[in-house]
Amino acid sequence: MKSYKKELWFDIKSRREFINITPHVEKCLRESGIKEGLLLCNAMHITASVFINDDESGLHRDFERFLEKLAPEKPHSQYDHNGFEDNADAHLKRTIMGREAVVAVTEGRLDFGPWEQIFYGEFDGRRKKRVMVKIIGE
């Protein structure tokens, strides 16, 4: 069994952002040489998420509105966590969207259903953030 690991870095310009990272992950898969196995992709920050869904801008706006209703950023005073930081909402949003995605690798390709793509969701950005890709298999 082979194993491959790589960190992907992204310079997040805004507080919240969704980035389609599928091309980066597919490049990792090609570099690994693994044809059959499993790929794990996870956010390396407690206020970020990796998830699988459709790459459709309206859906991304829907995610933003949905998450803001469940865990609004302001007022910051509504959260016990907010003292030195103002990111309690980002922690909650990450919990809702999840930490990682696991995808089967079949014949050297990500074994996706129709329209599936991998996204990095950032909820407390404005700095460099990273994602870890780990692939195991043959």
N, C-alpha and C. Protein backbone atom coordinates (compact mmCIF):
# COMPACT_ATOMS: atom_id res chain seq x y z
N MET A 1 0.83 -1.18 0.00
CA MET A 1 0.00 0.00 0.00
C MET A 1 0.88 1.24 0.00
N LYS A 2 0.50 2.22 -0.82
CA LYS A 2 1.22 3.49 -0.89
C LYS A 2 0.46 4.55 -0.08
N SER A 3 1.21 5.57 0.32
CA SER A 3 0.64 6.69 1.06
C SER A 3 1.21 7.98 0.50
N TYR A 4 0.39 9.01 0.43
CA TYR A 4 0.78 10.32 -0.10
C TYR A 4 0.15 11.38 0.80
N LYS A 5 0.91 12.43 1.06
CA LYS A 5 0.39 13.56 1.86
C LYS A 5 0.91 14.86 1.28
N LYS A 6 0.03 15.86 1.21
CA LYS A 6 0.44 17.19 0.76
C LYS A 6 -0.45 18.23 1.43
N GLU A 7 0.14 19.37 1.75
CA GLU A 7 -0.63 20.50 2.26
C GLU A 7 -0.83 21.51 1.14
N LEU A 8 -2.04 21.98 1.02
CA LEU A 8 -2.40 23.02 0.06
C LEU A 8 -2.64 24.30 0.84
N TRP A 9 -2.05 25.39 0.38
CA TRP A 9 -2.18 26.68 1.06
C TRP A 9 -3.01 27.64 0.21
N PHE A 10 -3.86 28.41 0.88
CA PHE A 10 -4.71 29.38 0.20
C PHE A 10 -4.65 30.70 0.95
N ASP A 11 -4.52 31.78 0.21
CA ASP A 11 -4.50 33.13 0.79
C ASP A 11 -5.93 33.64 0.76
N ILE A 12 -6.59 33.60 1.90
CA ILE A 12 -8.00 33.97 2.00
C ILE A 12 -8.10 35.48 2.21
N LYS A 13 -8.73 36.16 1.27
CA LYS A 13 -8.78 37.63 1.29
C LYS A 13 -9.92 38.19 2.15
N SER A 14 -10.99 37.41 2.34
CA SER A 14 -12.14 37.93 3.08
C SER A 14 -12.42 37.05 4.29
N ARG A 15 -13.34 37.47 5.12
CA ARG A 15 -13.68 36.69 6.32
C ARG A 15 -14.27 35.34 5.94
N ARG A 16 -15.18 35.33 4.94
CA ARG A 16 -15.82 34.08 4.53
C ARG A 16 -15.64 33.89 3.03
N GLU A 17 -15.35 32.64 2.65
CA GLU A 17 -15.11 32.37 1.24
C GLU A 17 -15.29 30.87 0.99
N PHE A 18 -15.82 30.54 -0.18
CA PHE A 18 -15.89 29.16 -0.64
C PHE A 18 -14.99 29.04 -1.87
N ILE A 19 -14.08 28.06 -1.84
CA ILE A 19 -13.13 27.86 -2.94
C ILE A 19 -13.28 26.43 -3.45
N ASN A 20 -13.47 26.30 -4.75
CA ASN A 20 -13.48 24.97 -5.36
C ASN A 20 -12.03 24.50 -5.45
N ILE A 21 -11.69 23.50 -4.64
CA ILE A 21 -10.31 23.01 -4.61
C ILE A 21 -10.14 21.71 -5.38
N THR A 22 -11.17 21.30 -6.10
CA THR A 22 -11.12 20.03 -6.85
C THR A 22 -9.90 19.93 -7.76
N PRO A 23 -9.57 20.96 -8.57
CA PRO A 23 -8.39 20.83 -9.44
C PRO A 23 -7.09 20.60 -8.65
N HIS A 24 -6.95 21.22 -7.49
CA HIS A 24 -5.76 21.03 -6.65
C HIS A 24 -5.70 19.60 -6.12
N VAL A 25 -6.86 19.09 -5.71
CA VAL A 25 -6.92 17.73 -5.17
C VAL A 25 -6.66 16.71 -6.27
N GLU A 26 -7.20 16.94 -7.46
CA GLU A 26 -6.95 16.04 -8.59
C GLU A 26 -5.47 16.02 -8.96
N LYS A 27 -4.81 17.17 -8.85
CA LYS A 27 -3.36 17.22 -9.11
C LYS A 27 -2.62 16.37 -8.09
N CYS A 28 -3.04 16.44 -6.84
CA CYS A 28 -2.42 15.60 -5.80
C CYS A 28 -2.60 14.12 -6.13
N LEU A 29 -3.78 13.76 -6.59
CA LEU A 29 -4.04 12.37 -6.93
C LEU A 29 -3.11 11.90 -8.06
N ARG A 30 -2.95 12.75 -9.07
CA ARG A 30 -2.03 12.39 -10.17
C ARG A 30 -0.61 12.24 -9.65
N GLU A 31 -0.17 13.17 -8.80
CA GLU A 31 1.19 13.11 -8.24
C GLU A 31 1.40 11.84 -7.42
N SER A 32 0.36 11.37 -6.75
CA SER A 32 0.48 10.21 -5.86
C SER A 32 0.71 8.92 -6.63
N GLY A 33 0.18 8.84 -7.85
CA GLY A 33 0.27 7.61 -8.63
C GLY A 33 -0.68 6.52 -8.15
N ILE A 34 -1.49 6.82 -7.17
CA ILE A 34 -2.43 5.84 -6.63
C ILE A 34 -3.64 5.71 -7.55
N LYS A 35 -4.00 4.48 -7.86
CA LYS A 35 -5.10 4.20 -8.79
C LYS A 35 -6.36 3.70 -8.09
N GLU A 36 -6.18 3.03 -6.96
CA GLU A 36 -7.32 2.48 -6.19
C GLU A 36 -7.06 2.76 -4.72
N GLY A 37 -8.01 3.42 -4.05
CA GLY A 37 -7.81 3.70 -2.64
C GLY A 37 -8.81 4.72 -2.13
N LEU A 38 -8.36 5.48 -1.16
CA LEU A 38 -9.18 6.50 -0.53
C LEU A 38 -8.40 7.80 -0.43
N LEU A 39 -9.09 8.90 -0.61
CA LEU A 39 -8.51 10.23 -0.48
C LEU A 39 -9.24 10.96 0.64
N LEU A 40 -8.47 11.48 1.57
CA LEU A 40 -8.99 12.30 2.65
C LEU A 40 -8.53 13.72 2.41
N CYS A 41 -9.44 14.65 2.53
CA CYS A 41 -9.11 16.07 2.38
C CYS A 41 -9.73 16.79 3.56
N ASN A 42 -8.90 17.41 4.39
CA ASN A 42 -9.48 18.09 5.55
C ASN A 42 -8.88 19.46 5.80
N ALA A 43 -9.72 20.30 6.37
CA ALA A 43 -9.30 21.64 6.77
C ALA A 43 -8.40 21.53 7.99
N MET A 44 -7.33 22.30 8.00
CA MET A 44 -6.38 22.28 9.11
C MET A 44 -6.59 23.46 10.05
N HIS A 45 -7.80 24.01 10.03
CA HIS A 45 -8.14 25.15 10.88
C HIS A 45 -9.53 24.91 11.46
N ILE A 46 -9.71 25.27 12.71
CA ILE A 46 -10.94 24.99 13.44
C ILE A 46 -12.11 25.87 12.98
N THR A 47 -11.83 26.87 12.17
CA THR A 47 -12.90 27.75 11.67
C THR A 47 -13.09 27.58 10.17
N ALA A 48 -12.73 26.41 9.64
CA ALA A 48 -12.84 26.16 8.21
C ALA A 48 -13.39 24.76 7.98
N SER A 49 -13.85 24.54 6.76
CA SER A 49 -14.50 23.29 6.42
C SER A 49 -14.05 22.80 5.05
N VAL A 50 -14.10 21.49 4.86
CA VAL A 50 -13.99 20.89 3.53
C VAL A 50 -15.25 20.08 3.33
N PHE A 51 -15.91 20.30 2.21
CA PHE A 51 -17.17 19.61 1.96
C PHE A 51 -17.34 19.37 0.47
N ILE A 52 -18.27 18.49 0.14
CA ILE A 52 -18.55 18.16 -1.26
C ILE A 52 -19.95 18.64 -1.59
N ASN A 53 -20.05 19.36 -2.71
CA ASN A 53 -21.35 19.79 -3.20
C ASN A 53 -21.20 20.29 -4.63
N ASP A 54 -22.23 20.93 -5.13
CA ASP A 54 -22.29 21.44 -6.49
C ASP A 54 -21.59 22.80 -6.57
N ASP A 55 -20.91 23.05 -7.67
CA ASP A 55 -20.24 24.34 -7.89
C ASP A 55 -21.21 25.28 -8.60
N GLU A 56 -22.12 25.83 -7.83
CA GLU A 56 -23.17 26.70 -8.39
C GLU A 56 -23.25 27.93 -7.49
N SER A 57 -23.06 29.10 -8.06
CA SER A 57 -22.95 30.33 -7.26
C SER A 57 -24.21 30.62 -6.44
N GLY A 58 -25.37 30.32 -6.97
CA GLY A 58 -26.60 30.53 -6.20
C GLY A 58 -26.63 29.66 -4.95
N LEU A 59 -26.17 28.44 -5.08
CA LEU A 59 -26.12 27.53 -3.94
C LEU A 59 -25.13 28.06 -2.89
N HIS A 60 -24.01 28.61 -3.34
CA HIS A 60 -23.04 29.15 -2.39
C HIS A 60 -23.63 30.33 -1.63
N ARG A 61 -24.40 31.17 -2.31
CA ARG A 61 -25.07 32.27 -1.60
C ARG A 61 -26.11 31.72 -0.62
N ASP A 62 -26.78 30.63 -1.01
CA ASP A 62 -27.74 29.99 -0.11
C ASP A 62 -27.04 29.46 1.14
N PHE A 63 -25.86 28.83 0.96
CA PHE A 63 -25.08 28.37 2.11
C PHE A 63 -24.78 29.54 3.04
N GLU A 64 -24.33 30.63 2.45
CA GLU A 64 -23.97 31.82 3.24
C GLU A 64 -25.16 32.30 4.06
N ARG A 65 -26.32 32.45 3.44
CA ARG A 65 -27.52 32.92 4.16
C ARG A 65 -27.95 31.92 5.23
N PHE A 66 -27.94 30.64 4.88
CA PHE A 66 -28.33 29.58 5.82
C PHE A 66 -27.43 29.60 7.06
N LEU A 67 -26.14 29.63 6.84
CA LEU A 67 -25.20 29.62 7.95
C LEU A 67 -25.31 30.88 8.80
N GLU A 68 -25.53 32.01 8.15
CA GLU A 68 -25.65 33.27 8.89
C GLU A 68 -26.91 33.28 9.75
N LYS A 69 -27.98 32.63 9.29
CA LYS A 69 -29.20 32.52 10.11
C LYS A 69 -28.96 31.65 11.34
N LEU A 70 -28.22 30.55 11.14
CA LEU A 70 -27.98 29.63 12.25
C LEU A 70 -26.95 30.16 13.24
N ALA A 71 -25.92 30.83 12.74
CA ALA A 71 -24.83 31.33 13.58
C ALA A 71 -24.42 32.71 13.08
N PRO A 72 -25.22 33.74 13.37
CA PRO A 72 -24.89 35.08 12.87
C PRO A 72 -23.58 35.61 13.47
N GLU A 73 -22.83 36.31 12.62
CA GLU A 73 -21.56 36.86 13.09
C GLU A 73 -21.76 37.89 14.19
N LYS A 74 -22.73 38.76 14.01
CA LYS A 74 -22.95 39.87 14.95
C LYS A 74 -24.34 39.79 15.56
N PRO A 75 -24.52 40.28 16.77
CA PRO A 75 -23.51 40.97 17.57
C PRO A 75 -22.53 39.98 18.18
N HIS A 76 -21.27 40.39 18.23
CA HIS A 76 -20.24 39.53 18.78
C HIS A 76 -20.51 39.18 20.24
N SER A 77 -21.21 40.07 20.93
CA SER A 77 -21.46 39.88 22.37
C SER A 77 -22.42 38.71 22.66
N GLN A 78 -23.06 38.17 21.65
CA GLN A 78 -24.00 37.07 21.89
C GLN A 78 -23.30 35.74 22.21
N TYR A 79 -22.00 35.69 22.00
CA TYR A 79 -21.25 34.44 22.19
C TYR A 79 -20.31 34.53 23.39
N ASP A 80 -20.33 33.50 24.22
CA ASP A 80 -19.41 33.44 25.36
C ASP A 80 -17.95 33.31 24.89
N HIS A 81 -17.73 32.65 23.77
CA HIS A 81 -16.37 32.45 23.25
C HIS A 81 -15.67 33.77 22.90
N ASN A 82 -16.44 34.73 22.44
CA ASN A 82 -15.85 35.99 21.97
C ASN A 82 -15.38 36.82 23.15
N GLY A 83 -14.08 36.91 23.27
CA GLY A 83 -13.44 37.74 24.28
C GLY A 83 -12.30 38.44 23.60
N PHE A 84 -11.21 37.70 23.40
CA PHE A 84 -10.07 38.22 22.66
C PHE A 84 -10.27 38.08 21.16
N GLU A 85 -11.19 37.19 20.77
CA GLU A 85 -11.48 36.96 19.35
C GLU A 85 -12.95 37.26 19.09
N ASP A 86 -13.28 37.35 17.80
CA ASP A 86 -14.67 37.60 17.43
C ASP A 86 -15.16 36.53 16.45
N ASN A 87 -14.72 35.28 16.67
CA ASN A 87 -14.97 34.27 15.65
C ASN A 87 -15.80 33.08 16.13
N ALA A 88 -16.58 33.23 17.17
CA ALA A 88 -17.41 32.12 17.65
C ALA A 88 -18.33 31.61 16.55
N ASP A 89 -18.87 32.53 15.78
CA ASP A 89 -19.76 32.11 14.69
C ASP A 89 -19.04 31.21 13.69
N ALA A 90 -17.75 31.47 13.44
CA ALA A 90 -16.96 30.67 12.50
C ALA A 90 -16.79 29.24 13.01
N HIS A 91 -16.60 29.08 14.30
CA HIS A 91 -16.50 27.75 14.88
C HIS A 91 -17.81 26.97 14.68
N LEU A 92 -18.91 27.64 14.91
CA LEU A 92 -20.22 26.99 14.76
C LEU A 92 -20.50 26.65 13.30
N LYS A 93 -20.16 27.55 12.40
CA LYS A 93 -20.38 27.30 10.96
C LYS A 93 -19.55 26.11 10.50
N ARG A 94 -18.34 25.99 10.98
CA ARG A 94 -17.49 24.85 10.63
C ARG A 94 -18.13 23.55 11.10
N THR A 95 -18.69 23.56 12.31
CA THR A 95 -19.33 22.36 12.83
C THR A 95 -20.48 21.92 11.94
N ILE A 96 -21.23 22.87 11.43
CA ILE A 96 -22.36 22.56 10.56
C ILE A 96 -21.89 22.00 9.22
N MET A 97 -20.87 22.60 8.63
CA MET A 97 -20.40 22.21 7.29
C MET A 97 -19.45 21.02 7.29
N GLY A 98 -18.87 20.71 8.43
CA GLY A 98 -18.01 19.54 8.53
C GLY A 98 -16.53 19.85 8.34
N ARG A 99 -15.71 18.92 8.77
CA ARG A 99 -14.26 19.11 8.76
C ARG A 99 -13.60 18.59 7.50
N GLU A 100 -14.09 17.43 6.97
CA GLU A 100 -13.36 16.78 5.89
C GLU A 100 -14.28 16.11 4.89
N ALA A 101 -13.65 15.70 3.80
CA ALA A 101 -14.31 14.91 2.77
C ALA A 101 -13.44 13.70 2.51
N VAL A 102 -14.08 12.55 2.35
CA VAL A 102 -13.39 11.32 1.96
C VAL A 102 -14.00 10.89 0.63
N VAL A 103 -13.13 10.61 -0.34
CA VAL A 103 -13.58 10.24 -1.67
C VAL A 103 -12.87 8.95 -2.09
N ALA A 104 -13.63 8.02 -2.66
CA ALA A 104 -13.03 6.81 -3.21
C ALA A 104 -12.21 7.18 -4.44
N VAL A 105 -11.11 6.48 -4.62
CA VAL A 105 -10.28 6.62 -5.82
C VAL A 105 -10.44 5.33 -6.62
N THR A 106 -10.91 5.46 -7.85
CA THR A 106 -11.14 4.32 -8.72
C THR A 106 -10.52 4.59 -10.08
N GLU A 107 -9.67 3.67 -10.51
CA GLU A 107 -8.98 3.81 -11.79
C GLU A 107 -8.26 5.16 -11.91
N GLY A 108 -7.68 5.62 -10.80
CA GLY A 108 -6.90 6.84 -10.80
C GLY A 108 -7.69 8.13 -10.81
N ARG A 109 -8.99 8.04 -10.57
CA ARG A 109 -9.85 9.24 -10.59
C ARG A 109 -10.68 9.32 -9.32
N LEU A 110 -11.07 10.54 -8.96
CA LEU A 110 -11.99 10.72 -7.84
C LEU A 110 -13.34 10.14 -8.26
N ASP A 111 -13.89 9.28 -7.44
CA ASP A 111 -15.13 8.58 -7.77
C ASP A 111 -16.32 9.42 -7.29
N PHE A 112 -16.61 10.47 -8.06
CA PHE A 112 -17.69 11.41 -7.74
C PHE A 112 -19.01 11.01 -8.38
N GLY A 113 -20.09 11.46 -7.76
CA GLY A 113 -21.39 11.42 -8.40
C GLY A 113 -21.52 12.65 -9.29
N PRO A 114 -22.64 12.75 -10.03
CA PRO A 114 -22.83 13.91 -10.91
C PRO A 114 -22.75 15.22 -10.13
N TRP A 115 -22.00 16.16 -10.66
CA TRP A 115 -21.87 17.54 -10.18
C TRP A 115 -21.04 17.68 -8.92
N GLU A 116 -20.57 16.60 -8.32
CA GLU A 116 -19.83 16.73 -7.07
C GLU A 116 -18.46 17.37 -7.29
N GLN A 117 -18.12 18.27 -6.38
CA GLN A 117 -16.83 18.96 -6.36
C GLN A 117 -16.43 19.11 -4.89
N ILE A 118 -15.14 19.31 -4.65
CA ILE A 118 -14.64 19.51 -3.29
C ILE A 118 -14.40 21.00 -3.06
N PHE A 119 -14.89 21.47 -1.92
CA PHE A 119 -14.78 22.89 -1.57
C PHE A 119 -14.09 23.08 -0.23
N TYR A 120 -13.35 24.18 -0.16
CA TYR A 120 -12.82 24.68 1.10
C TYR A 120 -13.73 25.84 1.50
N GLY A 121 -14.31 25.74 2.68
CA GLY A 121 -15.15 26.81 3.20
C GLY A 121 -14.44 27.49 4.35
N GLU A 122 -14.21 28.78 4.22
CA GLU A 122 -13.51 29.55 5.26
C GLU A 122 -14.50 30.49 5.91
N PHE A 123 -14.50 30.52 7.25
CA PHE A 123 -15.45 31.34 7.99
C PHE A 123 -14.78 32.38 8.89
N ASP A 124 -13.45 32.41 8.90
CA ASP A 124 -12.70 33.41 9.66
C ASP A 124 -11.35 33.63 8.98
N GLY A 125 -11.39 34.17 7.79
CA GLY A 125 -10.21 34.26 6.94
C GLY A 125 -9.39 35.51 7.13
N ARG A 126 -8.96 36.06 6.00
CA ARG A 126 -8.09 37.22 5.92
C ARG A 126 -6.64 36.88 6.25
N ARG A 127 -6.25 35.65 5.92
CA ARG A 127 -4.86 35.22 6.10
C ARG A 127 -4.67 33.89 5.38
N LYS A 128 -3.43 33.39 5.40
CA LYS A 128 -3.14 32.10 4.75
C LYS A 128 -3.75 30.96 5.57
N LYS A 129 -4.35 30.02 4.84
CA LYS A 129 -4.96 28.84 5.48
C LYS A 129 -4.57 27.61 4.69
N ARG A 130 -4.65 26.44 5.33
CA ARG A 130 -4.20 25.23 4.65
C ARG A 130 -5.21 24.09 4.75
N VAL A 131 -5.06 23.21 3.78
CA VAL A 131 -5.85 21.99 3.67
C VAL A 131 -4.86 20.85 3.53
N MET A 132 -5.15 19.73 4.17
CA MET A 132 -4.30 18.55 4.05
C MET A 132 -4.99 17.52 3.16
N VAL A 133 -4.22 16.97 2.22
CA VAL A 133 -4.69 15.88 1.36
C VAL A 133 -3.87 14.65 1.71
N LYS A 134 -4.55 13.56 2.04
CA LYS A 134 -3.89 12.29 2.36
C LYS A 134 -4.55 11.22 1.50
N ILE A 135 -3.72 10.48 0.77
CA ILE A 135 -4.23 9.44 -0.12
C ILE A 135 -3.55 8.13 0.23
N ILE A 136 -4.33 7.06 0.38
CA ILE A 136 -3.76 5.74 0.62
C ILE A 136 -4.36 4.77 -0.38
N GLY A 137 -3.55 3.83 -0.82
CA GLY A 137 -4.05 2.83 -1.74
C GLY A 137 -2.93 2.22 -2.56
N GLU A 138 -3.33 1.64 -3.65
CA GLU A 138 -2.39 0.95 -4.56
C GLU A 138 -2.27 1.71 -5.88
